[in-house]
Amino acid sequence: MNKPITNKTHQLLLQRVAEKSQAAVANAIGRDVSTVSRFFSGQGGIHIDEMEDLFDVLGLKIIECEGDIVSLPKEHFEALRTIARRGI
């Protein structure tokens, strides 16, 4: 795995959790705050089926593009999609 991308993604996730709060994340995925805290500190995990809710509460969307996976804020994705549709 590409370390710079991993570190960038990790930092983005931590920044978004700090903005939203661990309590908001825990509520969104139906877990307690201690589980979320352990997950983001590398001491525990969450279920794969909770990832969609996790990214949703953090305002992120994962998009597959020709085999590459890109994550970006939902509002950025929507803006890019609008620009693409208008042919700008």
PDB file of N, CA and C in Angstrom:
ATOM      1  N   MET A   1       0.849  -1.190   0.000  1.00  0.00           N
ATOM      2  CA  MET A   1       0.000   0.000   0.000  1.00  0.00           C
ATOM      3  C   MET A   1       0.882   1.237   0.000  1.00  0.00           C
ATOM      4  N   ASN A   2       0.450   2.252  -0.685  1.00  0.00           N
ATOM      5  CA  ASN A   2       1.198   3.492  -0.811  1.00  0.00           C
ATOM      6  C   ASN A   2       1.113   4.286   0.494  1.00  0.00           C
ATOM      7  N   LYS A   3       2.223   4.412   1.197  1.00  0.00           N
ATOM      8  CA  LYS A   3       2.237   5.067   2.504  1.00  0.00           C
ATOM      9  C   LYS A   3       1.774   6.520   2.492  1.00  0.00           C
ATOM     10  N   PRO A   4       2.257   7.386   1.544  1.00  0.00           N
ATOM     11  CA  PRO A   4       1.789   8.780   1.574  1.00  0.00           C
ATOM     12  C   PRO A   4       0.268   8.898   1.427  1.00  0.00           C
ATOM     13  N   ILE A   5      -0.336   8.079   0.558  1.00  0.00           N
ATOM     14  CA  ILE A   5      -1.791   8.121   0.398  1.00  0.00           C
ATOM     15  C   ILE A   5      -2.463   7.628   1.673  1.00  0.00           C
ATOM     16  N   THR A   6      -1.949   6.567   2.253  1.00  0.00           N
ATOM     17  CA  THR A   6      -2.512   6.034   3.488  1.00  0.00           C
ATOM     18  C   THR A   6      -2.456   7.076   4.591  1.00  0.00           C
ATOM     19  N   ASN A   7      -1.324   7.742   4.744  1.00  0.00           N
ATOM     20  CA  ASN A   7      -1.188   8.770   5.774  1.00  0.00           C
ATOM     21  C   ASN A   7      -2.129   9.932   5.523  1.00  0.00           C
ATOM     22  N   LYS A   8      -2.275  10.329   4.255  1.00  0.00           N
ATOM     23  CA  LYS A   8      -3.176  11.424   3.917  1.00  0.00           C
ATOM     24  C   LYS A   8      -4.617  11.044   4.245  1.00  0.00           C
ATOM     25  N   THR A   9      -5.004   9.832   3.902  1.00  0.00           N
ATOM     26  CA  THR A   9      -6.358   9.356   4.191  1.00  0.00           C
ATOM     27  C   THR A   9      -6.587   9.283   5.689  1.00  0.00           C
ATOM     28  N   HIS A  10      -5.608   8.754   6.407  1.00  0.00           N
ATOM     29  CA  HIS A  10      -5.698   8.656   7.866  1.00  0.00           C
ATOM     30  C   HIS A  10      -5.904  10.035   8.478  1.00  0.00           C
ATOM     31  N   GLN A  11      -5.112  10.997   8.041  1.00  0.00           N
ATOM     32  CA  GLN A  11      -5.225  12.360   8.576  1.00  0.00           C
ATOM     33  C   GLN A  11      -6.583  12.981   8.247  1.00  0.00           C
ATOM     34  N   LEU A  12      -7.071  12.725   7.030  1.00  0.00           N
ATOM     35  CA  LEU A  12      -8.387  13.243   6.644  1.00  0.00           C
ATOM     36  C   LEU A  12      -9.475  12.655   7.532  1.00  0.00           C
ATOM     37  N   LEU A  13      -9.419  11.354   7.774  1.00  0.00           N
ATOM     38  CA  LEU A  13     -10.413  10.711   8.634  1.00  0.00           C
ATOM     39  C   LEU A  13     -10.369  11.273  10.046  1.00  0.00           C
ATOM     40  N   LEU A  14      -9.170  11.404  10.588  1.00  0.00           N
ATOM     41  CA  LEU A  14      -9.038  11.948  11.948  1.00  0.00           C
ATOM     42  C   LEU A  14      -9.534  13.390  12.022  1.00  0.00           C
ATOM     43  N   GLN A  15      -9.259  14.175  10.999  1.00  0.00           N
ATOM     44  CA  GLN A  15      -9.731  15.562  10.963  1.00  0.00           C
ATOM     45  C   GLN A  15     -11.253  15.601  10.947  1.00  0.00           C
ATOM     46  N   ARG A  16     -11.863  14.751  10.116  1.00  0.00           N
ATOM     47  CA  ARG A  16     -13.325  14.739  10.033  1.00  0.00           C
ATOM     48  C   ARG A  16     -13.956  14.269  11.337  1.00  0.00           C
ATOM     49  N   VAL A  17     -13.354  13.285  11.984  1.00  0.00           N
ATOM     50  CA  VAL A  17     -13.879  12.815  13.274  1.00  0.00           C
ATOM     51  C   VAL A  17     -13.792  13.938  14.296  1.00  0.00           C
ATOM     52  N   ALA A  18     -12.696  14.682  14.283  1.00  0.00           N
ATOM     53  CA  ALA A  18     -12.546  15.803  15.218  1.00  0.00           C
ATOM     54  C   ALA A  18     -13.615  16.865  14.963  1.00  0.00           C
ATOM     55  N   GLU A  19     -13.941  17.095  13.686  1.00  0.00           N
ATOM     56  CA  GLU A  19     -14.971  18.082  13.346  1.00  0.00           C
ATOM     57  C   GLU A  19     -16.364  17.629  13.770  1.00  0.00           C
ATOM     58  N   LYS A  20     -16.660  16.351  13.578  1.00  0.00           N
ATOM     59  CA  LYS A  20     -18.006  15.828  13.849  1.00  0.00           C
ATOM     60  C   LYS A  20     -18.183  15.357  15.288  1.00  0.00           C
ATOM     61  N   SER A  21     -17.161  14.834  15.891  1.00  0.00           N
ATOM     62  CA  SER A  21     -17.085  14.244  17.232  1.00  0.00           C
ATOM     63  C   SER A  21     -17.222  12.727  17.164  1.00  0.00           C
ATOM     64  N   GLN A  22     -16.526  12.076  18.055  1.00  0.00           N
ATOM     65  CA  GLN A  22     -16.607  10.613  18.124  1.00  0.00           C
ATOM     66  C   GLN A  22     -18.012  10.164  18.496  1.00  0.00           C
ATOM     67  N   ALA A  23     -18.714  10.972  19.266  1.00  0.00           N
ATOM     68  CA  ALA A  23     -20.088  10.623  19.655  1.00  0.00           C
ATOM     69  C   ALA A  23     -21.007  10.590  18.430  1.00  0.00           C
ATOM     70  N   ALA A  24     -20.853  11.553  17.520  1.00  0.00           N
ATOM     71  CA  ALA A  24     -21.665  11.578  16.301  1.00  0.00           C
ATOM     72  C   ALA A  24     -21.353  10.376  15.418  1.00  0.00           C
ATOM     73  N   VAL A  25     -20.082  10.031  15.320  1.00  0.00           N
ATOM     74  CA  VAL A  25     -19.677   8.863  14.532  1.00  0.00           C
ATOM     75  C   VAL A  25     -20.244   7.597  15.156  1.00  0.00           C
ATOM     76  N   ALA A  26     -20.101   7.473  16.465  1.00  0.00           N
ATOM     77  CA  ALA A  26     -20.611   6.292  17.171  1.00  0.00           C
ATOM     78  C   ALA A  26     -22.112   6.140  16.964  1.00  0.00           C
ATOM     79  N   ASN A  27     -22.835   7.227  17.066  1.00  0.00           N
ATOM     80  CA  ASN A  27     -24.277   7.208  16.869  1.00  0.00           C
ATOM     81  C   ASN A  27     -24.629   6.762  15.448  1.00  0.00           C
ATOM     82  N   ALA A  28     -23.893   7.269  14.455  1.00  0.00           N
ATOM     83  CA  ALA A  28     -24.169   6.955  13.048  1.00  0.00           C
ATOM     84  C   ALA A  28     -23.950   5.483  12.722  1.00  0.00           C
ATOM     85  N   ILE A  29     -22.949   4.871  13.352  1.00  0.00           N
ATOM     86  CA  ILE A  29     -22.673   3.467  13.047  1.00  0.00           C
ATOM     87  C   ILE A  29     -23.265   2.507  14.079  1.00  0.00           C
ATOM     88  N   GLY A  30     -23.961   3.065  15.055  1.00  0.00           N
ATOM     89  CA  GLY A  30     -24.625   2.222  16.044  1.00  0.00           C
ATOM     90  C   GLY A  30     -23.683   1.545  17.026  1.00  0.00           C
ATOM     91  N   ARG A  31     -22.600   2.219  17.343  1.00  0.00           N
ATOM     92  CA  ARG A  31     -21.616   1.686  18.300  1.00  0.00           C
ATOM     93  C   ARG A  31     -21.411   2.693  19.417  1.00  0.00           C
ATOM     94  N   ASP A  32     -20.710   2.272  20.465  1.00  0.00           N
ATOM     95  CA  ASP A  32     -20.424   3.209  21.551  1.00  0.00           C
ATOM     96  C   ASP A  32     -19.137   3.979  21.236  1.00  0.00           C
ATOM     97  N   VAL A  33     -18.980   5.086  21.932  1.00  0.00           N
ATOM     98  CA  VAL A  33     -17.842   5.977  21.689  1.00  0.00           C
ATOM     99  C   VAL A  33     -16.513   5.268  21.930  1.00  0.00           C
ATOM    100  N   SER A  34     -16.448   4.390  22.908  1.00  0.00           N
ATOM    101  CA  SER A  34     -15.186   3.699  23.183  1.00  0.00           C
ATOM    102  C   SER A  34     -14.765   2.816  22.006  1.00  0.00           C
ATOM    103  N   THR A  35     -15.713   2.220  21.304  1.00  0.00           N
ATOM    104  CA  THR A  35     -15.399   1.409  20.119  1.00  0.00           C
ATOM    105  C   THR A  35     -14.821   2.286  19.018  1.00  0.00           C
ATOM    106  N   VAL A  36     -15.421   3.443  18.809  1.00  0.00           N
ATOM    107  CA  VAL A  36     -14.935   4.383  17.798  1.00  0.00           C
ATOM    108  C   VAL A  36     -13.544   4.882  18.172  1.00  0.00           C
ATOM    109  N   SER A  37     -13.342   5.196  19.419  1.00  0.00           N
ATOM    110  CA  SER A  37     -12.040   5.656  19.893  1.00  0.00           C
ATOM    111  C   SER A  37     -10.965   4.590  19.658  1.00  0.00           C
ATOM    112  N   ARG A  38     -11.282   3.349  19.997  1.00  0.00           N
ATOM    113  CA  ARG A  38     -10.322   2.256  19.786  1.00  0.00           C
ATOM    114  C   ARG A  38     -10.037   2.067  18.294  1.00  0.00           C
ATOM    115  N   PHE A  39     -11.056   2.189  17.456  1.00  0.00           N
ATOM    116  CA  PHE A  39     -10.871   2.032  16.017  1.00  0.00           C
ATOM    117  C   PHE A  39      -9.897   3.070  15.476  1.00  0.00           C
ATOM    118  N   PHE A  40     -10.108   4.330  15.818  1.00  0.00           N
ATOM    119  CA  PHE A  40      -9.257   5.385  15.281  1.00  0.00           C
ATOM    120  C   PHE A  40      -7.875   5.433  15.928  1.00  0.00           C
ATOM    121  N   SER A  41      -7.703   4.768  17.048  1.00  0.00           N
ATOM    122  CA  SER A  41      -6.368   4.696  17.655  1.00  0.00           C
ATOM    123  C   SER A  41      -5.630   3.423  17.235  1.00  0.00           C
ATOM    124  N   GLY A  42      -6.307   2.585  16.439  1.00  0.00           N
ATOM    125  CA  GLY A  42      -5.675   1.349  15.975  1.00  0.00           C
ATOM    126  C   GLY A  42      -5.769   0.215  16.970  1.00  0.00           C
ATOM    127  N   GLN A  43      -6.573   0.371  18.003  1.00  0.00           N
ATOM    128  CA  GLN A  43      -6.693  -0.635  19.059  1.00  0.00           C
ATOM    129  C   GLN A  43      -7.890  -1.568  18.866  1.00  0.00           C
ATOM    130  N   GLY A  44      -8.728  -1.296  17.868  1.00  0.00           N
ATOM    131  CA  GLY A  44      -9.915  -2.115  17.658  1.00  0.00           C
ATOM    132  C   GLY A  44     -10.420  -1.951  16.246  1.00  0.00           C
ATOM    133  N   GLY A  45     -11.530  -2.567  15.978  1.00  0.00           N
ATOM    134  CA  GLY A  45     -12.069  -2.505  14.631  1.00  0.00           C
ATOM    135  C   GLY A  45     -13.569  -2.288  14.627  1.00  0.00           C
ATOM    136  N   ILE A  46     -14.069  -2.045  13.440  1.00  0.00           N
ATOM    137  CA  ILE A  46     -15.507  -1.971  13.235  1.00  0.00           C
ATOM    138  C   ILE A  46     -15.837  -2.903  12.078  1.00  0.00           C
ATOM    139  N   HIS A  47     -17.107  -3.233  11.919  1.00  0.00           N
ATOM    140  CA  HIS A  47     -17.526  -4.144  10.862  1.00  0.00           C
ATOM    141  C   HIS A  47     -17.504  -3.453   9.510  1.00  0.00           C
ATOM    142  N   ILE A  48     -17.217  -4.222   8.474  1.00  0.00           N
ATOM    143  CA  ILE A  48     -17.174  -3.664   7.125  1.00  0.00           C
ATOM    144  C   ILE A  48     -18.516  -3.049   6.739  1.00  0.00           C
ATOM    145  N   ASP A  49     -19.618  -3.614   7.229  1.00  0.00           N
ATOM    146  CA  ASP A  49     -20.927  -3.067   6.874  1.00  0.00           C
ATOM    147  C   ASP A  49     -21.214  -1.733   7.571  1.00  0.00           C
ATOM    148  N   GLU A  50     -20.357  -1.317   8.473  1.00  0.00           N
ATOM    149  CA  GLU A  50     -20.496  -0.018   9.142  1.00  0.00           C
ATOM    150  C   GLU A  50     -19.719   1.092   8.415  1.00  0.00           C
ATOM    151  N   MET A  51     -18.901   0.695   7.438  1.00  0.00           N
ATOM    152  CA  MET A  51     -18.045   1.666   6.759  1.00  0.00           C
ATOM    153  C   MET A  51     -18.851   2.705   5.964  1.00  0.00           C
ATOM    154  N   GLU A  52     -19.938   2.279   5.325  1.00  0.00           N
ATOM    155  CA  GLU A  52     -20.737   3.233   4.557  1.00  0.00           C
ATOM    156  C   GLU A  52     -21.295   4.322   5.465  1.00  0.00           C
ATOM    157  N   ASP A  53     -21.819   3.928   6.632  1.00  0.00           N
ATOM    158  CA  ASP A  53     -22.335   4.919   7.582  1.00  0.00           C
ATOM    159  C   ASP A  53     -21.212   5.793   8.128  1.00  0.00           C
ATOM    160  N   LEU A  54     -20.045   5.208   8.352  1.00  0.00           N
ATOM    161  CA  LEU A  54     -18.892   5.967   8.834  1.00  0.00           C
ATOM    162  C   LEU A  54     -18.519   7.059   7.840  1.00  0.00           C
ATOM    163  N   PHE A  55     -18.350   6.681   6.574  1.00  0.00           N
ATOM    164  CA  PHE A  55     -17.987   7.672   5.566  1.00  0.00           C
ATOM    165  C   PHE A  55     -19.096   8.694   5.368  1.00  0.00           C
ATOM    166  N   ASP A  56     -20.345   8.254   5.455  1.00  0.00           N
ATOM    167  CA  ASP A  56     -21.470   9.176   5.278  1.00  0.00           C
ATOM    168  C   ASP A  56     -21.470  10.252   6.369  1.00  0.00           C
ATOM    169  N   VAL A  57     -21.327   9.854   7.626  1.00  0.00           N
ATOM    170  CA  VAL A  57     -21.338  10.839   8.718  1.00  0.00           C
ATOM    171  C   VAL A  57     -20.146  11.782   8.632  1.00  0.00           C
ATOM    172  N   LEU A  58     -19.048  11.310   8.060  1.00  0.00           N
ATOM    173  CA  LEU A  58     -17.864  12.159   7.919  1.00  0.00           C
ATOM    174  C   LEU A  58     -17.911  13.007   6.647  1.00  0.00           C
ATOM    175  N   GLY A  59     -18.983  12.832   5.851  1.00  0.00           N
ATOM    176  CA  GLY A  59     -19.130  13.625   4.637  1.00  0.00           C
ATOM    177  C   GLY A  59     -18.217  13.191   3.520  1.00  0.00           C
ATOM    178  N   LEU A  60     -17.822  11.911   3.505  1.00  0.00           N
ATOM    179  CA  LEU A  60     -16.917  11.394   2.486  1.00  0.00           C
ATOM    180  C   LEU A  60     -17.635  10.366   1.622  1.00  0.00           C
ATOM    181  N   LYS A  61     -17.177  10.221   0.396  1.00  0.00           N
ATOM    182  CA  LYS A  61     -17.735   9.250  -0.516  1.00  0.00           C
ATOM    183  C   LYS A  61     -16.568   8.556  -1.199  1.00  0.00           C
ATOM    184  N   ILE A  62     -16.655   7.245  -1.315  1.00  0.00           N
ATOM    185  CA  ILE A  62     -15.628   6.478  -2.017  1.00  0.00           C
ATOM    186  C   ILE A  62     -16.134   6.238  -3.430  1.00  0.00           C
ATOM    187  N   ILE A  63     -15.285   6.519  -4.388  1.00  0.00           N
ATOM    188  CA  ILE A  63     -15.652   6.386  -5.786  1.00  0.00           C
ATOM    189  C   ILE A  63     -14.601   5.523  -6.467  1.00  0.00           C
ATOM    190  N   GLU A  64     -15.046   4.488  -7.174  1.00  0.00           N
ATOM    191  CA  GLU A  64     -14.116   3.665  -7.945  1.00  0.00           C
ATOM    192  C   GLU A  64     -14.019   4.241  -9.342  1.00  0.00           C
ATOM    193  N   CYS A  65     -12.797   4.425  -9.790  1.00  0.00           N
ATOM    194  CA  CYS A  65     -12.557   5.027 -11.092  1.00  0.00           C
ATOM    195  C   CYS A  65     -11.484   4.213 -11.810  1.00  0.00           C
ATOM    196  N   GLU A  66     -11.916   3.361 -12.721  1.00  0.00           N
ATOM    197  CA  GLU A  66     -11.004   2.511 -13.491  1.00  0.00           C
ATOM    198  C   GLU A  66     -10.051   1.738 -12.585  1.00  0.00           C
ATOM    199  N   GLY A  67     -10.606   1.143 -11.545  1.00  0.00           N
ATOM    200  CA  GLY A  67      -9.810   0.308 -10.659  1.00  0.00           C
ATOM    201  C   GLY A  67      -9.139   1.044  -9.521  1.00  0.00           C
ATOM    202  N   ASP A  68      -9.055   2.361  -9.611  1.00  0.00           N
ATOM    203  CA  ASP A  68      -8.480   3.147  -8.530  1.00  0.00           C
ATOM    204  C   ASP A  68      -9.604   3.620  -7.626  1.00  0.00           C
ATOM    205  N   ILE A  69      -9.362   3.653  -6.335  1.00  0.00           N
ATOM    206  CA  ILE A  69     -10.360   4.146  -5.398  1.00  0.00           C
ATOM    207  C   ILE A  69      -9.907   5.502  -4.888  1.00  0.00           C
ATOM    208  N   VAL A  70     -10.824   6.443  -4.929  1.00  0.00           N
ATOM    209  CA  VAL A  70     -10.536   7.811  -4.528  1.00  0.00           C
ATOM    210  C   VAL A  70     -11.537   8.201  -3.463  1.00  0.00           C
ATOM    211  N   SER A  71     -11.091   8.880  -2.430  1.00  0.00           N
ATOM    212  CA  SER A  71     -12.037   9.400  -1.444  1.00  0.00           C
ATOM    213  C   SER A  71     -11.920  10.913  -1.434  1.00  0.00           C
ATOM    214  N   LEU A  72     -13.067  11.566  -1.368  1.00  0.00           N
ATOM    215  CA  LEU A  72     -13.089  13.011  -1.325  1.00  0.00           C
ATOM    216  C   LEU A  72     -14.362  13.455  -0.624  1.00  0.00           C
ATOM    217  N   PRO A  73     -14.365  14.678  -0.130  1.00  0.00           N
ATOM    218  CA  PRO A  73     -15.573  15.171   0.534  1.00  0.00           C
ATOM    219  C   PRO A  73     -16.754  15.140  -0.427  1.00  0.00           C
ATOM    220  N   LYS A  74     -17.913  14.801   0.098  1.00  0.00           N
ATOM    221  CA  LYS A  74     -19.109  14.670  -0.720  1.00  0.00           C
ATOM    222  C   LYS A  74     -19.400  15.948  -1.500  1.00  0.00           C
ATOM    223  N   GLU A  75     -19.236  17.101  -0.863  1.00  0.00           N
ATOM    224  CA  GLU A  75     -19.526  18.358  -1.552  1.00  0.00           C
ATOM    225  C   GLU A  75     -18.582  18.591  -2.728  1.00  0.00           C
ATOM    226  N   HIS A  76     -17.330  18.129  -2.623  1.00  0.00           N
ATOM    227  CA  HIS A  76     -16.391  18.249  -3.737  1.00  0.00           C
ATOM    228  C   HIS A  76     -16.820  17.336  -4.883  1.00  0.00           C
ATOM    229  N   PHE A  77     -17.231  16.123  -4.547  1.00  0.00           N
ATOM    230  CA  PHE A  77     -17.712  15.180  -5.557  1.00  0.00           C
ATOM    231  C   PHE A  77     -18.914  15.766  -6.293  1.00  0.00           C
ATOM    232  N   GLU A  78     -19.865  16.315  -5.548  1.00  0.00           N
ATOM    233  CA  GLU A  78     -21.068  16.884  -6.164  1.00  0.00           C
ATOM    234  C   GLU A  78     -20.699  18.046  -7.078  1.00  0.00           C
ATOM    235  N   ALA A  79     -19.757  18.881  -6.669  1.00  0.00           N
ATOM    236  CA  ALA A  79     -19.324  20.009  -7.493  1.00  0.00           C
ATOM    237  C   ALA A  79     -18.665  19.508  -8.779  1.00  0.00           C
ATOM    238  N   LEU A  80     -17.794  18.521  -8.671  1.00  0.00           N
ATOM    239  CA  LEU A  80     -17.140  17.959  -9.852  1.00  0.00           C
ATOM    240  C   LEU A  80     -18.150  17.314 -10.785  1.00  0.00           C
ATOM    241  N   ARG A  81     -19.127  16.623 -10.234  1.00  0.00           N
ATOM    242  CA  ARG A  81     -20.145  15.981 -11.046  1.00  0.00           C
ATOM    243  C   ARG A  81     -20.982  17.034 -11.791  1.00  0.00           C
ATOM    244  N   THR A  82     -21.304  18.123 -11.116  1.00  0.00           N
ATOM    245  CA  THR A  82     -22.046  19.205 -11.767  1.00  0.00           C
ATOM    246  C   THR A  82     -21.246  19.808 -12.906  1.00  0.00           C
ATOM    247  N   ILE A  83     -19.990  20.074 -12.664  1.00  0.00           N
ATOM    248  CA  ILE A  83     -19.117  20.630 -13.706  1.00  0.00           C
ATOM    249  C   ILE A  83     -19.014  19.670 -14.895  1.00  0.00           C
ATOM    250  N   ALA A  84     -18.867  18.401 -14.615  1.00  0.00           N
ATOM    251  CA  ALA A  84     -18.758  17.404 -15.690  1.00  0.00           C
ATOM    252  C   ALA A  84     -20.044  17.330 -16.508  1.00  0.00           C
ATOM    253  N   ARG A  85     -21.167  17.366 -15.846  1.00  0.00           N
ATOM    254  CA  ARG A  85     -22.454  17.293 -16.556  1.00  0.00           C
ATOM    255  C   ARG A  85     -22.666  18.500 -17.464  1.00  0.00           C
ATOM    256  N   ARG A  86     -22.161  19.643 -17.059  1.00  0.00           N
ATOM    257  CA  ARG A  86     -22.336  20.858 -17.857  1.00  0.00           C
ATOM    258  C   ARG A  86     -21.262  21.019 -18.923  1.00  0.00           C
ATOM    259  N   GLY A  87     -20.270  20.137 -18.874  1.00  0.00           N
ATOM    260  CA  GLY A  87     -19.209  20.175 -19.885  1.00  0.00           C
ATOM    261  C   GLY A  87     -18.273  21.365 -19.743  1.00  0.00           C
ATOM    262  N   ILE A  88     -18.115  21.820 -18.521  1.00  0.00           N
ATOM    263  CA  ILE A  88     -17.250  22.991 -18.280  1.00  0.00           C
ATOM    264  C   ILE A  88     -15.805  22.545 -18.211  1.00  0.00           C
TER     265      ILE A  88
END
